[in-house]
Amino acid sequence: MIFAVDIGNSNLVIGLMDEEKKISFQGRIRTDRRCTKEEFMVAVRTLLDIYHVRAEGADGVIISSVVPDLTDLVREGMAMLTGVKPLVVGQGIKTGIRIATDHPASLGSDLVVDAVAAAEEYPGPAAVFDLGTATTCSVIDRKRAYLGTLIMPGIGISQEALSERAAQLPHIRFERPKHLVGKNTVESMQSGLVYGNAAMIDGLIERIEEELHEKVTAIATGGAAKRIVPHCRREIVCDPDLLLKGLWYLYYKNRGNGGG
């Protein structure tokens, strides 16, 4: 069994996976850049205790991070909790894909991990939409080359910006409205967030296919994917565990190369 840890801007996700890629446990902790190593360990230990999961006895740990301030802290904390040396996604790690961008070293580890999972799990070319703090779209061709990325404000950021920068717009719950054309302010904002993002994804898929001159497999993941994908008109695979799957593949591609 291995622990796969994703340090995101909003949440830190921990999954426990077996050799068959089955996820037996998955939990979330709010990302706190000010926490100490001891506070992190207490939070993880509490989370694992709630679900009756033991940290000791794990075969390995792999970590992906987009929060540099927390990377070493989490690496050291997970090492102390499990007794094994974690593998951290970064330069020098074997991915099985080719990064064909201008500055490969600057590509976010979460984008790399998603792309690895997409290349292993789905036919290419592929467009991977990760609907998290930011909405990203990663494009991988059929030869497993990472061609590039589109980065947009995430749904939560857009929602907060509307409420904070427009005096007459309230804070709202992110949910499907009763009508496409809103009958009141709240419904109008909800419609814009849900259907606006769904239409954006549909439109981007069409434009990506035009640029590649072929159809793509569209995959969506991230916290908001399940709420947006049902309202898209294009065929999109919703895979909420894509990043954990990518970490699983990376761990086994690099086992014995600094981890475990």
Protein backbone atom coordinates (compact mmCIF):
# COMPACT_ATOMS: atom_id res chain seq x y z
CA MET A 1 0.00 0.00 0.00
CA ILE A 2 1.21 3.51 -0.77
CA PHE A 3 0.12 6.95 0.37
CA ALA A 4 -0.42 9.41 -2.49
CA VAL A 5 -0.43 13.03 -1.31
CA ASP A 6 -1.52 16.02 -3.40
CA ILE A 7 -0.76 19.45 -1.90
CA GLY A 8 -3.12 21.83 -3.67
CA ASN A 9 -3.78 25.52 -3.18
CA SER A 10 -7.07 24.92 -1.36
CA ASN A 11 -6.85 21.35 -0.04
CA LEU A 12 -4.31 18.68 0.74
CA VAL A 13 -5.59 15.29 -0.44
CA ILE A 14 -4.29 12.00 0.93
CA GLY A 15 -5.12 8.66 -0.66
CA LEU A 16 -4.12 5.12 0.28
CA MET A 17 -3.75 2.85 -2.77
CA ASP A 18 -2.84 -0.79 -3.27
CA GLU A 19 -0.76 -2.43 -6.00
CA GLU A 20 -3.87 -2.79 -8.15
CA LYS A 21 -4.48 1.00 -8.06
CA LYS A 22 -7.51 0.58 -5.85
CA ILE A 23 -8.14 3.52 -3.51
CA SER A 24 -9.04 2.20 -0.06
CA PHE A 25 -9.02 5.60 1.64
CA GLN A 26 -9.16 9.24 0.58
CA GLY A 27 -9.38 12.32 2.79
CA ARG A 28 -8.87 16.08 2.66
CA ILE A 29 -7.25 18.67 4.90
CA ARG A 30 -7.51 22.39 4.25
CA THR A 31 -4.21 23.77 2.95
CA ASP A 32 -2.62 26.01 5.59
CA ARG A 33 0.66 27.62 4.60
CA ARG A 34 1.26 28.71 8.21
CA CYS A 35 1.01 25.28 9.81
CA THR A 36 4.00 23.65 11.47
CA LYS A 37 5.21 20.12 10.82
CA GLU A 38 3.74 19.01 14.12
CA GLU A 39 0.37 20.60 13.33
CA PHE A 40 0.34 18.86 9.96
CA MET A 41 1.14 15.51 11.55
CA VAL A 42 -1.64 15.94 14.12
CA ALA A 43 -4.12 16.78 11.35
CA VAL A 44 -3.13 13.75 9.30
CA ARG A 45 -3.10 11.43 12.29
CA THR A 46 -6.58 12.64 13.30
CA LEU A 47 -7.89 12.15 9.76
CA LEU A 48 -6.48 8.62 9.56
CA ASP A 49 -7.84 7.75 13.01
CA ILE A 50 -11.33 8.84 12.00
CA TYR A 51 -11.28 6.31 9.15
CA HIS A 52 -9.32 3.66 11.09
CA VAL A 53 -6.34 3.84 8.73
CA ARG A 54 -2.81 3.10 9.96
CA ALA A 55 0.10 5.20 8.70
CA GLU A 56 2.67 2.64 9.80
CA GLY A 57 3.35 -0.23 7.47
CA ALA A 58 2.95 1.68 4.19
CA ASP A 59 5.26 0.52 1.41
CA GLY A 60 5.81 4.02 0.09
CA VAL A 61 4.71 7.64 -0.13
CA ILE A 62 4.58 9.93 -3.16
CA ILE A 63 3.88 13.66 -2.99
CA SER A 64 2.82 16.22 -5.59
CA SER A 65 2.84 19.87 -4.54
CA VAL A 66 1.94 23.25 -6.01
CA VAL A 67 2.64 24.94 -2.67
CA PRO A 68 6.46 25.08 -2.33
CA ASP A 69 6.28 26.41 1.24
CA LEU A 70 4.66 23.15 2.36
CA THR A 71 6.55 20.58 0.28
CA ASP A 72 9.43 19.88 2.67
CA LEU A 73 7.17 20.11 5.71
CA VAL A 74 4.79 17.49 4.32
CA ARG A 75 7.66 15.30 3.11
CA GLU A 76 9.24 15.29 6.58
CA GLY A 77 5.88 14.81 8.31
CA MET A 78 4.86 11.86 6.13
CA ALA A 79 8.30 10.28 6.62
CA MET A 80 7.87 10.45 10.39
CA LEU A 81 4.30 9.13 10.26
CA THR A 82 4.99 6.20 7.94
CA GLY A 83 8.66 5.41 8.51
CA VAL A 84 9.44 5.52 4.77
CA LYS A 85 11.16 8.16 2.64
CA PRO A 86 8.63 9.93 0.38
CA LEU A 87 9.15 10.42 -3.33
CA VAL A 88 8.40 13.99 -4.44
CA VAL A 89 7.28 14.74 -8.00
CA GLY A 90 9.81 17.09 -9.57
CA GLN A 91 12.85 17.30 -11.81
CA GLY A 92 14.48 13.96 -12.53
CA ILE A 93 11.38 11.85 -12.00
CA LYS A 94 10.46 9.36 -14.73
CA THR A 95 7.07 10.21 -16.21
CA GLY A 96 6.72 8.25 -19.44
CA ILE A 97 5.61 11.41 -21.25
CA ARG A 98 7.57 14.09 -23.09
CA ILE A 99 7.12 17.69 -21.95
CA ALA A 100 7.06 19.69 -25.20
CA THR A 101 6.66 23.16 -23.66
CA ASP A 102 9.07 26.11 -23.74
CA HIS A 103 10.10 25.67 -20.10
CA PRO A 104 9.44 22.06 -18.99
CA ALA A 105 10.96 22.58 -15.53
CA SER A 106 8.38 25.26 -14.71
CA LEU A 107 5.36 23.05 -15.40
CA GLY A 108 3.28 22.50 -12.27
CA SER A 109 3.58 19.03 -10.78
CA ASP A 110 -0.20 18.64 -10.66
CA LEU A 111 -0.40 19.17 -14.41
CA VAL A 112 2.33 16.58 -14.97
CA VAL A 113 0.58 14.05 -12.72
CA ASP A 114 -2.79 14.56 -14.44
CA ALA A 115 -1.12 14.17 -17.84
CA VAL A 116 0.61 10.93 -16.81
CA ALA A 117 -2.71 9.46 -15.68
CA ALA A 118 -4.46 10.59 -18.86
CA ALA A 119 -1.74 9.10 -21.06
CA GLU A 120 -1.94 5.78 -19.22
CA GLU A 121 -5.72 5.54 -18.83
CA TYR A 122 -7.22 7.08 -21.99
CA PRO A 123 -6.62 7.14 -25.75
CA GLY A 124 -4.84 10.20 -27.08
CA PRO A 125 -4.85 12.92 -27.98
CA ALA A 126 -6.40 14.12 -24.75
CA ALA A 127 -7.53 17.38 -23.18
CA VAL A 128 -7.51 17.24 -19.37
CA PHE A 129 -9.62 19.83 -17.53
CA ASP A 130 -8.80 20.22 -13.84
CA LEU A 131 -11.48 22.32 -12.14
CA GLY A 132 -9.84 23.39 -8.91
CA THR A 133 -8.65 26.70 -7.50
CA ALA A 134 -7.67 27.47 -11.08
CA THR A 135 -9.26 25.81 -14.08
CA THR A 136 -6.54 24.28 -16.23
CA CYS A 137 -6.61 22.40 -19.50
CA SER A 138 -3.63 20.22 -20.38
CA VAL A 139 -3.25 18.90 -23.94
CA ILE A 140 -1.42 15.61 -24.62
CA ASP A 141 -0.99 14.24 -28.14
CA ARG A 142 -1.28 10.61 -29.22
CA LYS A 143 2.52 10.19 -28.94
CA ARG A 144 2.34 11.05 -25.20
CA ALA A 145 3.81 14.52 -25.65
CA TYR A 146 2.55 17.26 -23.32
CA LEU A 147 1.87 20.08 -25.78
CA GLY A 148 0.83 22.86 -23.40
CA THR A 149 -1.74 24.30 -21.05
CA LEU A 150 -4.60 26.76 -20.78
CA ILE A 151 -5.03 28.42 -17.37
CA MET A 152 -8.20 30.25 -16.31
CA PRO A 153 -9.64 31.54 -13.02
CA GLY A 154 -11.28 28.72 -11.10
CA ILE A 155 -15.01 28.69 -10.45
CA GLY A 156 -14.53 29.55 -6.78
CA ILE A 157 -12.27 32.48 -7.62
CA SER A 158 -14.76 33.77 -10.19
CA GLN A 159 -17.61 33.45 -7.70
CA GLU A 160 -15.69 35.34 -4.99
CA ALA A 161 -14.60 38.05 -7.42
CA LEU A 162 -18.18 38.70 -8.52
CA SER A 163 -19.40 39.10 -4.96
CA GLU A 164 -16.44 41.13 -3.70
CA ARG A 165 -15.98 43.50 -6.65
CA ALA A 166 -19.60 44.14 -7.59
CA ALA A 167 -21.43 45.92 -4.76
CA GLN A 168 -24.90 44.69 -5.68
CA LEU A 169 -24.00 41.02 -6.22
CA PRO A 170 -24.34 38.76 -3.16
CA HIS A 171 -22.34 35.76 -2.04
CA ILE A 172 -24.11 32.67 -3.38
CA ARG A 173 -24.06 28.90 -3.11
CA PHE A 174 -22.52 27.18 -6.12
CA GLU A 175 -25.36 25.02 -7.41
CA ARG A 176 -27.46 24.47 -10.52
CA PRO A 177 -30.11 27.17 -11.08
CA LYS A 178 -33.72 26.41 -11.94
CA HIS A 179 -33.50 28.29 -15.25
CA LEU A 180 -30.79 28.99 -17.81
CA VAL A 181 -31.94 32.58 -18.07
CA GLY A 182 -32.00 33.65 -14.44
CA LYS A 183 -35.18 35.10 -12.96
CA ASN A 184 -33.38 36.80 -10.06
CA THR A 185 -29.85 37.87 -9.11
CA VAL A 186 -28.84 34.67 -7.33
CA GLU A 187 -30.21 32.46 -10.09
CA SER A 188 -28.52 34.61 -12.73
CA MET A 189 -25.13 34.30 -11.01
CA GLN A 190 -25.55 30.54 -10.58
CA SER A 191 -26.47 30.17 -14.25
CA GLY A 192 -23.41 32.14 -15.31
CA LEU A 193 -21.10 30.01 -13.18
CA VAL A 194 -22.57 26.63 -14.16
CA TYR A 195 -23.54 27.09 -17.78
CA GLY A 196 -20.84 29.64 -18.52
CA ASN A 197 -18.11 27.22 -17.43
CA ALA A 198 -19.79 24.30 -19.21
CA ALA A 199 -19.96 26.30 -22.45
CA MET A 200 -16.34 27.39 -22.01
CA ILE A 201 -15.20 23.76 -21.75
CA ASP A 202 -17.27 22.78 -24.79
CA GLY A 203 -15.81 25.68 -26.77
CA LEU A 204 -12.23 24.95 -25.77
CA ILE A 205 -12.53 21.32 -26.81
CA GLU A 206 -13.76 22.43 -30.22
CA ARG A 207 -10.87 24.89 -30.63
CA ILE A 208 -8.26 22.37 -29.44
CA GLU A 209 -9.55 19.86 -31.99
CA GLU A 210 -9.32 22.52 -34.70
CA GLU A 211 -5.69 23.21 -33.79
CA LEU A 212 -4.74 19.53 -33.60
CA HIS A 213 -6.84 18.59 -36.66
CA GLU A 214 -8.27 15.56 -34.86
CA LYS A 215 -10.73 14.56 -32.16
CA VAL A 216 -9.58 14.52 -28.55
CA THR A 217 -10.56 12.52 -25.50
CA ALA A 218 -11.84 15.08 -23.01
CA ILE A 219 -11.33 14.29 -19.31
CA ALA A 220 -12.45 16.39 -16.35
CA THR A 221 -11.27 16.18 -12.77
CA GLY A 222 -11.08 18.43 -9.72
CA GLY A 223 -13.56 19.52 -7.09
CA ALA A 224 -16.09 21.20 -9.40
CA ALA A 225 -16.00 18.68 -12.24
CA LYS A 226 -19.07 16.70 -11.15
CA ARG A 227 -21.14 19.88 -11.02
CA ILE A 228 -20.08 21.23 -14.42
CA VAL A 229 -19.60 18.19 -16.69
CA PRO A 230 -23.29 17.12 -16.69
CA HIS A 231 -24.13 20.46 -18.31
CA CYS A 232 -21.54 20.19 -21.08
CA ARG A 233 -22.71 19.19 -24.54
CA ARG A 234 -19.50 17.44 -25.52
CA GLU A 235 -18.69 13.91 -24.38
CA ILE A 236 -16.43 14.30 -21.35
CA VAL A 237 -15.13 11.62 -19.01
CA CYS A 238 -15.43 12.69 -15.37
CA ASP A 239 -12.57 11.13 -13.38
CA PRO A 240 -12.35 12.61 -9.85
CA ASP A 241 -9.44 10.30 -8.96
CA LEU A 242 -7.26 11.18 -11.95
CA LEU A 243 -4.50 12.85 -9.93
CA LEU A 244 -4.25 10.01 -7.41
CA LYS A 245 -4.04 7.56 -10.31
CA GLY A 246 -1.24 9.64 -11.81
CA LEU A 247 0.66 9.55 -8.52
CA TRP A 248 0.21 5.77 -8.44
CA TYR A 249 1.72 5.42 -11.92
CA LEU A 250 4.62 7.73 -11.04
CA TYR A 251 5.39 5.86 -7.84
CA TYR A 252 5.67 2.53 -9.62
CA LYS A 253 7.68 4.05 -12.50
CA ASN A 254 10.15 5.45 -9.96
CA ARG A 255 10.11 2.87 -7.18
CA GLY A 256 13.63 2.52 -5.84
CA ASN A 257 14.61 5.93 -7.28
CA GLY A 258 14.70 7.93 -4.04
CA GLY A 259 11.42 6.78 -2.52
CA GLY A 260 10.27 3.96 -0.26
